[in-house]
């Protein structure tokens, strides 16, 4: 009888394991604007901080389906429900679908900077210093801390589709334009476009956009055992130092 019970328990564990592992993971990637967190090359190969974390979590026995969209399209897809067991990254600071169901532990802490051209004599001390500047912002992204000033007309925004356009505007309007973006993204994209950081000036912007953590963001209806597995794997990556190694590859 004891032998029978032992066999049945073993079978149940195997079935539970198979149920989790047989699920497909649908990973959503932002096209072109999320580097170094999500990077897709011309051969549709994926890398970047978040993508490498996903690859390490699902290294064995899982099928990861990649879905790459422009930011607004991706959000629309996820708000409509997305594919079953979807995963991407998000933050409580962003709200909406990217904040609805997050991993137990964060993967990175984000801070924002003002990037100006080296020819600019601008020094940021308080908001009134930049009310006469043109704010370059990435198209599609929300900036909750800036939106009240934009709505009041106190900030003039200029939306661009990519980092190259932002850098070109700074080159053409060195005294008038400032680029507001995550510090990690600015540095990475300057390097990728062979632009020297010494030709620009980075200033901390945390007084208006405080630093905040980002997490893996899950389908609100994700299978509970699968989500538990992901959180356990993420904890292991953090404890082993692998997570920091991944970050160090890009930043």
C-alpha atoms as a PDB file:
ATOM      1  CA  UNK A   1       0.000   0.000   0.000  1.00  0.00           C
ATOM      2  CA  UNK A   2       2.822   2.397   0.893  1.00  0.00           C
ATOM      3  CA  UNK A   3       4.502   1.571  -2.395  1.00  0.00           C
ATOM      4  CA  UNK A   4       1.257   2.323  -4.294  1.00  0.00           C
ATOM      5  CA  UNK A   5       0.847   5.683  -2.546  1.00  0.00           C
ATOM      6  CA  UNK A   6       4.466   6.573  -3.308  1.00  0.00           C
ATOM      7  CA  UNK A   7       3.985   5.718  -6.988  1.00  0.00           C
ATOM      8  CA  UNK A   8       0.775   7.794  -7.167  1.00  0.00           C
ATOM      9  CA  UNK A   9       2.469  10.826  -5.560  1.00  0.00           C
ATOM     10  CA  UNK A  10       5.343  10.541  -8.018  1.00  0.00           C
ATOM     11  CA  UNK A  11       2.928  10.402 -10.945  1.00  0.00           C
ATOM     12  CA  UNK A  12       1.050  13.453  -9.656  1.00  0.00           C
ATOM     13  CA  UNK A  13       4.285  15.425  -9.392  1.00  0.00           C
ATOM     14  CA  UNK A  14       5.273  14.389 -12.916  1.00  0.00           C
ATOM     15  CA  UNK A  15       1.865  15.375 -14.274  1.00  0.00           C
ATOM     16  CA  UNK A  16       2.042  18.758 -12.496  1.00  0.00           C
ATOM     17  CA  UNK A  17       5.535  19.339 -13.870  1.00  0.00           C
ATOM     18  CA  UNK A  18       4.430  18.384 -17.377  1.00  0.00           C
ATOM     19  CA  UNK A  19       1.401  20.697 -17.134  1.00  0.00           C
ATOM     20  CA  UNK A  20       3.599  23.697 -16.321  1.00  0.00           C
ATOM     21  CA  UNK A  21       6.341  22.870 -18.800  1.00  0.00           C
ATOM     22  CA  UNK A  22       3.933  22.163 -21.643  1.00  0.00           C
ATOM     23  CA  UNK A  23       2.573  25.714 -21.521  1.00  0.00           C
ATOM     24  CA  UNK A  24       3.836  28.142 -24.143  1.00  0.00           C
ATOM     25  CA  UNK A  25       5.166  31.499 -22.949  1.00  0.00           C
ATOM     26  CA  UNK A  26       4.224  34.539 -25.006  1.00  0.00           C
ATOM     27  CA  UNK A  27       6.896  37.203 -24.588  1.00  0.00           C
ATOM     28  CA  UNK A  28       6.042  40.710 -25.789  1.00  0.00           C
ATOM     29  CA  UNK A  29       8.850  42.933 -27.077  1.00  0.00           C
ATOM     30  CA  UNK A  30       8.803  46.668 -27.845  1.00  0.00           C
ATOM     31  CA  UNK A  31      10.264  47.323 -31.284  1.00  0.00           C
ATOM     32  CA  UNK A  32      13.221  49.729 -31.578  1.00  0.00           C
ATOM     33  CA  UNK A  33      12.496  51.919 -28.534  1.00  0.00           C
ATOM     34  CA  UNK A  34      13.275  49.674 -25.543  1.00  0.00           C
ATOM     35  CA  UNK A  35      17.035  49.156 -25.878  1.00  0.00           C
ATOM     36  CA  UNK A  36      18.966  48.011 -23.830  1.00  0.00           C
ATOM     37  CA  UNK A  37      16.059  46.225 -22.133  1.00  0.00           C
ATOM     38  CA  UNK A  38      14.766  44.626 -25.316  1.00  0.00           C
ATOM     39  CA  UNK A  39      16.890  44.468 -28.488  1.00  0.00           C
ATOM     40  CA  UNK A  40      15.921  42.879 -31.806  1.00  0.00           C
ATOM     41  CA  UNK A  41      18.432  42.725 -34.649  1.00  0.00           C
ATOM     42  CA  UNK A  42      17.836  42.492 -38.393  1.00  0.00           C
ATOM     43  CA  UNK A  43      17.810  38.679 -38.185  1.00  0.00           C
ATOM     44  CA  UNK A  44      15.027  38.854 -35.575  1.00  0.00           C
ATOM     45  CA  UNK A  45      17.392  37.653 -32.841  1.00  0.00           C
ATOM     46  CA  UNK A  46      16.545  38.877 -29.358  1.00  0.00           C
ATOM     47  CA  UNK A  47      18.844  40.190 -26.631  1.00  0.00           C
ATOM     48  CA  UNK A  48      18.837  42.897 -23.975  1.00  0.00           C
ATOM     49  CA  UNK A  49      18.417  42.860 -20.198  1.00  0.00           C
ATOM     50  CA  UNK A  50      14.804  41.658 -20.083  1.00  0.00           C
ATOM     51  CA  UNK A  51      15.156  39.286 -23.038  1.00  0.00           C
ATOM     52  CA  UNK A  52      18.270  37.681 -21.510  1.00  0.00           C
ATOM     53  CA  UNK A  53      16.419  37.241 -18.207  1.00  0.00           C
ATOM     54  CA  UNK A  54      13.572  35.517 -20.047  1.00  0.00           C
ATOM     55  CA  UNK A  55      16.061  33.264 -21.874  1.00  0.00           C
ATOM     56  CA  UNK A  56      17.669  32.261 -18.567  1.00  0.00           C
ATOM     57  CA  UNK A  57      14.346  31.584 -16.845  1.00  0.00           C
ATOM     58  CA  UNK A  58      13.031  29.394 -19.653  1.00  0.00           C
ATOM     59  CA  UNK A  59      16.303  27.733 -20.571  1.00  0.00           C
ATOM     60  CA  UNK A  60      14.812  24.217 -20.617  1.00  0.00           C
ATOM     61  CA  UNK A  61      11.536  22.544 -21.547  1.00  0.00           C
ATOM     62  CA  UNK A  62       9.606  25.692 -22.441  1.00  0.00           C
ATOM     63  CA  UNK A  63       8.500  27.187 -25.727  1.00  0.00           C
ATOM     64  CA  UNK A  64       8.884  30.984 -25.775  1.00  0.00           C
ATOM     65  CA  UNK A  65       6.927  32.720 -28.531  1.00  0.00           C
ATOM     66  CA  UNK A  66       8.201  36.216 -29.333  1.00  0.00           C
ATOM     67  CA  UNK A  67       5.773  38.999 -30.292  1.00  0.00           C
ATOM     68  CA  UNK A  68       7.439  42.251 -31.392  1.00  0.00           C
ATOM     69  CA  UNK A  69       5.336  45.386 -31.862  1.00  0.00           C
ATOM     70  CA  UNK A  70       5.639  49.169 -31.702  1.00  0.00           C
ATOM     71  CA  UNK A  71       4.907  50.283 -28.149  1.00  0.00           C
ATOM     72  CA  UNK A  72       1.327  51.493 -28.649  1.00  0.00           C
ATOM     73  CA  UNK A  73       0.393  48.379 -30.611  1.00  0.00           C
ATOM     74  CA  UNK A  74       1.865  46.163 -27.911  1.00  0.00           C
ATOM     75  CA  UNK A  75      -0.132  47.915 -25.194  1.00  0.00           C
ATOM     76  CA  UNK A  76      -3.316  47.606 -27.255  1.00  0.00           C
ATOM     77  CA  UNK A  77      -2.670  43.883 -27.704  1.00  0.00           C
ATOM     78  CA  UNK A  78      -2.122  43.356 -23.974  1.00  0.00           C
ATOM     79  CA  UNK A  79      -5.112  45.462 -22.961  1.00  0.00           C
ATOM     80  CA  UNK A  80      -7.234  43.275 -25.242  1.00  0.00           C
ATOM     81  CA  UNK A  81      -6.000  40.216 -23.318  1.00  0.00           C
ATOM     82  CA  UNK A  82      -2.907  39.268 -25.300  1.00  0.00           C
ATOM     83  CA  UNK A  83      -1.803  35.696 -25.863  1.00  0.00           C
ATOM     84  CA  UNK A  84      -2.208  33.233 -23.012  1.00  0.00           C
ATOM     85  CA  UNK A  85       0.500  33.406 -20.330  1.00  0.00           C
ATOM     86  CA  UNK A  86       2.067  36.551 -21.747  1.00  0.00           C
ATOM     87  CA  UNK A  87       5.058  38.223 -20.147  1.00  0.00           C
ATOM     88  CA  UNK A  88       6.906  41.503 -20.676  1.00  0.00           C
ATOM     89  CA  UNK A  89       8.279  44.115 -18.276  1.00  0.00           C
ATOM     90  CA  UNK A  90       6.638  46.944 -16.365  1.00  0.00           C
ATOM     91  CA  UNK A  91       6.471  49.046 -13.225  1.00  0.00           C
ATOM     92  CA  UNK A  92       3.905  50.264 -10.683  1.00  0.00           C
ATOM     93  CA  UNK A  93       4.889  53.779 -11.800  1.00  0.00           C
ATOM     94  CA  UNK A  94       3.568  53.109 -15.315  1.00  0.00           C
ATOM     95  CA  UNK A  95       0.100  51.958 -14.353  1.00  0.00           C
ATOM     96  CA  UNK A  96      -2.224  50.078 -16.673  1.00  0.00           C
ATOM     97  CA  UNK A  97      -1.560  46.613 -17.985  1.00  0.00           C
ATOM     98  CA  UNK A  98       2.192  46.917 -17.336  1.00  0.00           C
ATOM     99  CA  UNK A  99       1.486  47.291 -13.614  1.00  0.00           C
ATOM    100  CA  UNK A 100      -1.410  44.879 -13.098  1.00  0.00           C
ATOM    101  CA  UNK A 101       0.574  41.735 -12.185  1.00  0.00           C
ATOM    102  CA  UNK A 102       4.287  42.043 -11.448  1.00  0.00           C
ATOM    103  CA  UNK A 103       7.073  39.711 -10.371  1.00  0.00           C
ATOM    104  CA  UNK A 104       7.847  39.381  -6.674  1.00  0.00           C
ATOM    105  CA  UNK A 105      11.231  41.054  -7.046  1.00  0.00           C
ATOM    106  CA  UNK A 106      12.386  43.916  -9.295  1.00  0.00           C
ATOM    107  CA  UNK A 107      14.929  43.400 -12.059  1.00  0.00           C
ATOM    108  CA  UNK A 108      16.377  46.910 -12.315  1.00  0.00           C
ATOM    109  CA  UNK A 109      16.090  50.442 -10.895  1.00  0.00           C
ATOM    110  CA  UNK A 110      15.454  53.154 -13.457  1.00  0.00           C
ATOM    111  CA  UNK A 111      16.551  56.773 -13.249  1.00  0.00           C
ATOM    112  CA  UNK A 112      16.021  59.609 -15.714  1.00  0.00           C
ATOM    113  CA  UNK A 113      18.371  62.296 -16.991  1.00  0.00           C
ATOM    114  CA  UNK A 114      18.304  65.448 -19.047  1.00  0.00           C
ATOM    115  CA  UNK A 115      20.593  65.196 -22.060  1.00  0.00           C
ATOM    116  CA  UNK A 116      21.787  68.441 -23.622  1.00  0.00           C
ATOM    117  CA  UNK A 117      24.375  69.230 -26.261  1.00  0.00           C
ATOM    118  CA  UNK A 118      27.832  70.205 -25.030  1.00  0.00           C
ATOM    119  CA  UNK A 119      27.396  73.559 -26.771  1.00  0.00           C
ATOM    120  CA  UNK A 120      24.506  74.353 -24.423  1.00  0.00           C
ATOM    121  CA  UNK A 121      25.287  76.349 -21.301  1.00  0.00           C
ATOM    122  CA  UNK A 122      22.121  75.054 -19.632  1.00  0.00           C
ATOM    123  CA  UNK A 123      22.301  73.863 -16.013  1.00  0.00           C
ATOM    124  CA  UNK A 124      19.226  72.322 -14.440  1.00  0.00           C
ATOM    125  CA  UNK A 125      18.397  73.409 -10.898  1.00  0.00           C
ATOM    126  CA  UNK A 126      14.598  73.606 -10.877  1.00  0.00           C
ATOM    127  CA  UNK A 127      11.679  73.310 -13.288  1.00  0.00           C
ATOM    128  CA  UNK A 128      11.595  77.041 -14.051  1.00  0.00           C
ATOM    129  CA  UNK A 129      15.046  76.669 -15.621  1.00  0.00           C
ATOM    130  CA  UNK A 130      13.652  74.585 -18.480  1.00  0.00           C
ATOM    131  CA  UNK A 131      10.254  76.096 -19.161  1.00  0.00           C
ATOM    132  CA  UNK A 132      11.608  77.843 -22.233  1.00  0.00           C
ATOM    133  CA  UNK A 133      13.169  74.634 -23.592  1.00  0.00           C
ATOM    134  CA  UNK A 134      11.763  72.160 -26.104  1.00  0.00           C
ATOM    135  CA  UNK A 135      11.334  68.778 -24.414  1.00  0.00           C
ATOM    136  CA  UNK A 136      12.246  65.911 -26.727  1.00  0.00           C
ATOM    137  CA  UNK A 137      10.228  62.839 -25.717  1.00  0.00           C
ATOM    138  CA  UNK A 138       9.849  59.410 -27.303  1.00  0.00           C
ATOM    139  CA  UNK A 139       6.654  58.883 -29.245  1.00  0.00           C
ATOM    140  CA  UNK A 140       4.169  56.524 -27.595  1.00  0.00           C
ATOM    141  CA  UNK A 141       5.553  56.597 -24.052  1.00  0.00           C
ATOM    142  CA  UNK A 142       3.769  58.244 -21.133  1.00  0.00           C
ATOM    143  CA  UNK A 143       5.536  60.609 -18.723  1.00  0.00           C
ATOM    144  CA  UNK A 144       3.083  60.979 -15.797  1.00  0.00           C
ATOM    145  CA  UNK A 145       5.289  63.386 -13.840  1.00  0.00           C
ATOM    146  CA  UNK A 146       5.625  65.706 -16.840  1.00  0.00           C
ATOM    147  CA  UNK A 147       2.048  65.469 -18.126  1.00  0.00           C
ATOM    148  CA  UNK A 148       0.529  68.109 -15.799  1.00  0.00           C
ATOM    149  CA  UNK A 149       3.097  70.648 -17.022  1.00  0.00           C
ATOM    150  CA  UNK A 150       2.497  69.627 -20.641  1.00  0.00           C
ATOM    151  CA  UNK A 151      -1.280  69.985 -20.185  1.00  0.00           C
ATOM    152  CA  UNK A 152      -0.843  73.472 -18.739  1.00  0.00           C
ATOM    153  CA  UNK A 153       1.399  74.489 -21.625  1.00  0.00           C
ATOM    154  CA  UNK A 154       4.347  75.058 -19.301  1.00  0.00           C
ATOM    155  CA  UNK A 155       6.391  72.455 -21.185  1.00  0.00           C
ATOM    156  CA  UNK A 156       6.702  72.363 -24.965  1.00  0.00           C
ATOM    157  CA  UNK A 157       7.025  68.745 -26.088  1.00  0.00           C
ATOM    158  CA  UNK A 158       8.442  67.409 -29.326  1.00  0.00           C
ATOM    159  CA  UNK A 159       7.804  63.698 -29.906  1.00  0.00           C
ATOM    160  CA  UNK A 160      10.276  61.595 -31.893  1.00  0.00           C
ATOM    161  CA  UNK A 161      10.151  57.964 -33.001  1.00  0.00           C
ATOM    162  CA  UNK A 162      13.684  56.972 -32.040  1.00  0.00           C
ATOM    163  CA  UNK A 163      16.907  57.988 -30.354  1.00  0.00           C
ATOM    164  CA  UNK A 164      18.656  58.945 -33.565  1.00  0.00           C
ATOM    165  CA  UNK A 165      16.042  61.638 -34.176  1.00  0.00           C
ATOM    166  CA  UNK A 166      16.420  62.908 -30.603  1.00  0.00           C
ATOM    167  CA  UNK A 167      20.204  63.212 -30.920  1.00  0.00           C
ATOM    168  CA  UNK A 168      19.919  64.986 -34.284  1.00  0.00           C
ATOM    169  CA  UNK A 169      17.566  67.587 -32.822  1.00  0.00           C
ATOM    170  CA  UNK A 170      19.989  68.241 -29.967  1.00  0.00           C
ATOM    171  CA  UNK A 171      22.740  68.743 -32.564  1.00  0.00           C
ATOM    172  CA  UNK A 172      20.617  71.217 -34.543  1.00  0.00           C
ATOM    173  CA  UNK A 173      19.095  73.052 -31.553  1.00  0.00           C
ATOM    174  CA  UNK A 174      21.810  72.898 -28.872  1.00  0.00           C
ATOM    175  CA  UNK A 175      20.585  75.938 -26.949  1.00  0.00           C
ATOM    176  CA  UNK A 176      16.866  75.221 -27.182  1.00  0.00           C
ATOM    177  CA  UNK A 177      16.258  71.481 -26.839  1.00  0.00           C
ATOM    178  CA  UNK A 178      16.619  68.962 -24.010  1.00  0.00           C
ATOM    179  CA  UNK A 179      16.078  65.205 -24.209  1.00  0.00           C
ATOM    180  CA  UNK A 180      14.392  63.528 -21.233  1.00  0.00           C
ATOM    181  CA  UNK A 181      14.897  59.780 -21.029  1.00  0.00           C
ATOM    182  CA  UNK A 182      16.131  56.868 -18.916  1.00  0.00           C
ATOM    183  CA  UNK A 183      19.841  57.297 -18.274  1.00  0.00           C
ATOM    184  CA  UNK A 184      20.580  53.683 -19.245  1.00  0.00           C
ATOM    185  CA  UNK A 185      18.793  54.062 -22.591  1.00  0.00           C
ATOM    186  CA  UNK A 186      20.571  57.323 -23.388  1.00  0.00           C
ATOM    187  CA  UNK A 187      24.024  55.872 -22.745  1.00  0.00           C
ATOM    188  CA  UNK A 188      23.317  52.642 -24.599  1.00  0.00           C
ATOM    189  CA  UNK A 189      21.908  54.337 -27.695  1.00  0.00           C
ATOM    190  CA  UNK A 190      24.697  56.920 -27.851  1.00  0.00           C
ATOM    191  CA  UNK A 191      27.184  54.047 -27.852  1.00  0.00           C
ATOM    192  CA  UNK A 192      25.238  52.053 -30.466  1.00  0.00           C
ATOM    193  CA  UNK A 193      25.168  55.075 -32.781  1.00  0.00           C
ATOM    194  CA  UNK A 194      28.895  55.732 -32.293  1.00  0.00           C
ATOM    195  CA  UNK A 195      28.219  59.071 -30.648  1.00  0.00           C
ATOM    196  CA  UNK A 196      30.631  60.315 -28.011  1.00  0.00           C
ATOM    197  CA  UNK A 197      28.994  61.044 -24.648  1.00  0.00           C
ATOM    198  CA  UNK A 198      31.595  63.808 -24.228  1.00  0.00           C
ATOM    199  CA  UNK A 199      29.729  65.752 -26.933  1.00  0.00           C
ATOM    200  CA  UNK A 200      26.693  65.888 -24.659  1.00  0.00           C
ATOM    201  CA  UNK A 201      25.913  66.649 -21.068  1.00  0.00           C
ATOM    202  CA  UNK A 202      23.897  64.377 -18.743  1.00  0.00           C
ATOM    203  CA  UNK A 203      22.140  65.910 -15.744  1.00  0.00           C
ATOM    204  CA  UNK A 204      20.132  64.057 -13.125  1.00  0.00           C
ATOM    205  CA  UNK A 205      16.361  64.567 -13.412  1.00  0.00           C
ATOM    206  CA  UNK A 206      15.250  62.565 -10.373  1.00  0.00           C
ATOM    207  CA  UNK A 207      13.847  65.667  -8.668  1.00  0.00           C
ATOM    208  CA  UNK A 208      10.950  65.565 -11.137  1.00  0.00           C
ATOM    209  CA  UNK A 209      11.016  61.883 -12.196  1.00  0.00           C
ATOM    210  CA  UNK A 210      12.193  59.931  -9.130  1.00  0.00           C
ATOM    211  CA  UNK A 211      14.027  56.639  -9.540  1.00  0.00           C
ATOM    212  CA  UNK A 212      11.755  53.595  -9.567  1.00  0.00           C
ATOM    213  CA  UNK A 213      12.049  49.810  -9.945  1.00  0.00           C
ATOM    214  CA  UNK A 214      10.980  47.801 -12.982  1.00  0.00           C
ATOM    215  CA  UNK A 215       9.747  44.221 -12.837  1.00  0.00           C
ATOM    216  CA  UNK A 216       8.681  41.393 -15.074  1.00  0.00           C
ATOM    217  CA  UNK A 217       5.018  41.998 -15.947  1.00  0.00           C
ATOM    218  CA  UNK A 218       2.664  39.029 -16.240  1.00  0.00           C
ATOM    219  CA  UNK A 219      -0.655  38.174 -17.795  1.00  0.00           C
ATOM    220  CA  UNK A 220      -3.177  38.860 -14.969  1.00  0.00           C
ATOM    221  CA  UNK A 221      -4.645  35.429 -15.767  1.00  0.00           C
ATOM    222  CA  UNK A 222      -1.312  33.604 -15.901  1.00  0.00           C
ATOM    223  CA  UNK A 223      -1.300  30.038 -14.618  1.00  0.00           C
ATOM    224  CA  UNK A 224      -0.465  30.299 -10.904  1.00  0.00           C
ATOM    225  CA  UNK A 225       2.063  27.452 -10.958  1.00  0.00           C
ATOM    226  CA  UNK A 226       3.830  28.975 -13.935  1.00  0.00           C
ATOM    227  CA  UNK A 227       4.007  32.366 -12.230  1.00  0.00           C
ATOM    228  CA  UNK A 228       5.374  30.709  -9.080  1.00  0.00           C
ATOM    229  CA  UNK A 229       8.031  28.991 -11.186  1.00  0.00           C
ATOM    230  CA  UNK A 230       9.058  32.282 -12.844  1.00  0.00           C
ATOM    231  CA  UNK A 231       9.357  34.037  -9.483  1.00  0.00           C
ATOM    232  CA  UNK A 232      11.469  31.186  -8.104  1.00  0.00           C
ATOM    233  CA  UNK A 233      13.758  31.290 -11.137  1.00  0.00           C
ATOM    234  CA  UNK A 234      14.094  35.059 -10.890  1.00  0.00           C
ATOM    235  CA  UNK A 235      15.005  34.764  -7.210  1.00  0.00           C
ATOM    236  CA  UNK A 236      17.684  32.212  -8.120  1.00  0.00           C
ATOM    237  CA  UNK A 237      19.102  34.469 -10.850  1.00  0.00           C
ATOM    238  CA  UNK A 238      19.254  37.350  -8.361  1.00  0.00           C
ATOM    239  CA  UNK A 239      20.854  35.331  -5.569  1.00  0.00           C
ATOM    240  CA  UNK A 240      23.482  33.765  -7.825  1.00  0.00           C
ATOM    241  CA  UNK A 241      24.587  37.118  -9.261  1.00  0.00           C
ATOM    242  CA  UNK A 242      23.451  36.126 -12.768  1.00  0.00           C
ATOM    243  CA  UNK A 243      20.931  38.979 -12.907  1.00  0.00           C
ATOM    244  CA  UNK A 244      23.653  41.547 -12.201  1.00  0.00           C
ATOM    245  CA  UNK A 245      25.905  39.887 -14.785  1.00  0.00           C
ATOM    246  CA  UNK A 246      23.145  40.306 -17.376  1.00  0.00           C
ATOM    247  CA  UNK A 247      22.731  43.986 -16.485  1.00  0.00           C
ATOM    248  CA  UNK A 248      26.493  44.535 -16.667  1.00  0.00           C
ATOM    249  CA  UNK A 249      26.529  43.285 -20.279  1.00  0.00           C
ATOM    250  CA  UNK A 250      24.544  46.313 -21.388  1.00  0.00           C
ATOM    251  CA  UNK A 251      25.045  49.078 -18.824  1.00  0.00           C
END
